[in-house]
Protein backbone atom coordinates (compact mmCIF):
# COMPACT_ATOMS: atom_id res chain seq x y z
CA MET A 1 -9.37 -3.85 14.86
CA PHE A 2 -6.12 -5.69 14.13
CA LYS A 3 -7.77 -7.70 11.33
CA LYS A 4 -8.92 -4.47 9.66
CA SER A 5 -5.34 -3.24 9.87
CA ARG A 6 -4.09 -6.38 8.17
CA PHE A 7 -6.73 -6.04 5.41
CA TYR A 8 -5.62 -2.49 4.60
CA PHE A 9 -1.97 -3.55 4.74
CA VAL A 10 -2.62 -6.30 2.17
CA ILE A 11 -4.31 -3.78 -0.14
CA ALA A 12 -1.31 -1.44 0.27
CA ALA A 13 1.13 -4.27 -0.44
CA VAL A 14 -0.76 -5.26 -3.59
CA CYS A 15 -0.73 -1.66 -4.80
CA ILE A 16 3.00 -1.36 -4.13
CA VAL A 17 3.66 -4.59 -6.04
CA LEU A 18 1.60 -3.27 -8.96
CA PHE A 19 3.56 -0.01 -8.83
CA VAL A 20 6.90 -1.83 -8.89
CA LEU A 21 5.75 -4.07 -11.75
CA ASN A 22 4.69 -0.94 -13.62
CA LEU A 23 8.17 0.52 -13.12
CA ILE A 24 9.75 -2.68 -14.43
CA VAL A 25 7.48 -2.69 -17.50
CA GLY A 26 8.39 0.96 -18.11
CA LYS A 27 12.09 0.16 -17.89
CA ILE A 28 11.65 -2.74 -20.33
CA GLU A 29 9.83 -0.41 -22.74
CA VAL A 30 12.67 2.11 -22.64
CA THR A 31 15.45 -0.47 -22.85
CA TYR A 32 14.07 -2.53 -25.71
CA ARG A 33 12.15 0.31 -27.44
CA ILE A 34 8.85 -1.52 -27.42
CA ASP A 35 5.39 -0.19 -26.64
CA THR A 36 3.03 -2.07 -24.34
CA ILE A 37 -0.52 -1.14 -23.48
CA VAL A 38 -0.24 -2.20 -19.83
CA HIS A 39 2.22 0.50 -18.74
CA LEU A 40 0.77 3.34 -16.68
CA GLU A 41 2.30 6.77 -17.15
CA GLY A 42 1.88 10.11 -15.44
CA VAL A 43 -1.27 10.64 -13.43
CA PRO A 44 -2.48 7.00 -13.22
CA GLU A 45 0.95 5.93 -11.99
CA PHE A 46 0.90 8.65 -9.35
CA ILE A 47 -2.63 7.72 -8.26
CA LEU A 48 -1.56 4.08 -7.82
CA LEU A 49 1.32 5.19 -5.60
CA LEU A 50 -0.95 7.58 -3.69
CA VAL A 51 -3.54 4.84 -3.06
CA SER A 52 -0.85 2.49 -1.76
CA VAL A 53 0.47 5.15 0.64
CA ILE A 54 -3.05 6.01 1.86
CA PHE A 55 -3.89 2.38 2.59
CA PHE A 56 -0.54 1.88 4.31
CA VAL A 57 -1.15 4.89 6.57
CA ILE A 58 -4.68 3.67 7.39
CA SER A 59 -3.28 0.26 8.24
CA THR A 60 -0.61 1.72 10.49
CA LEU A 61 -3.06 3.99 12.31
CA LEU A 62 -5.53 1.15 12.90
CA LYS A 63 -2.77 -1.08 14.25
CA GLU A 64 -1.52 1.66 16.54
CA GLN A 65 -5.07 2.31 17.78
CA SER A 66 -5.51 -1.39 18.45
CA GLU A 67 -2.28 -1.54 20.45
CA THR A 68 -3.23 1.60 22.41
CA ASN A 69 -6.63 0.13 23.28
CA LYS A 70 -4.98 -3.12 24.35
CA THR A 71 -2.53 -1.25 26.59
CA GLN A 72 -5.32 0.80 28.17
CA GLN A 73 -7.33 -2.34 28.90
CA ASN A 74 -4.30 -3.93 30.56
CA LEU A 75 -3.77 -0.85 32.72
CA LYS A 76 -7.42 -0.79 33.83
CA GLY A 77 -7.52 -4.51 34.52
CA GLY A 78 -4.36 -4.84 36.50
């Protein structure tokens, strides 16, 4: 269960990095008055942030479940 948690955390981290890079590209566009085709605006930007938050929450819940199961096994065994 812990490995699944790590997998979802990596996906969340990648999405957050993409979101931050998108913010940087947007700032560069505004500062230098250039137009790039790689910048997400509006709904796609929000969906990227939403996906990163969803995967982060899934990761956290799986890790917490794994720790709870581990604690319960320790209580039963000893």
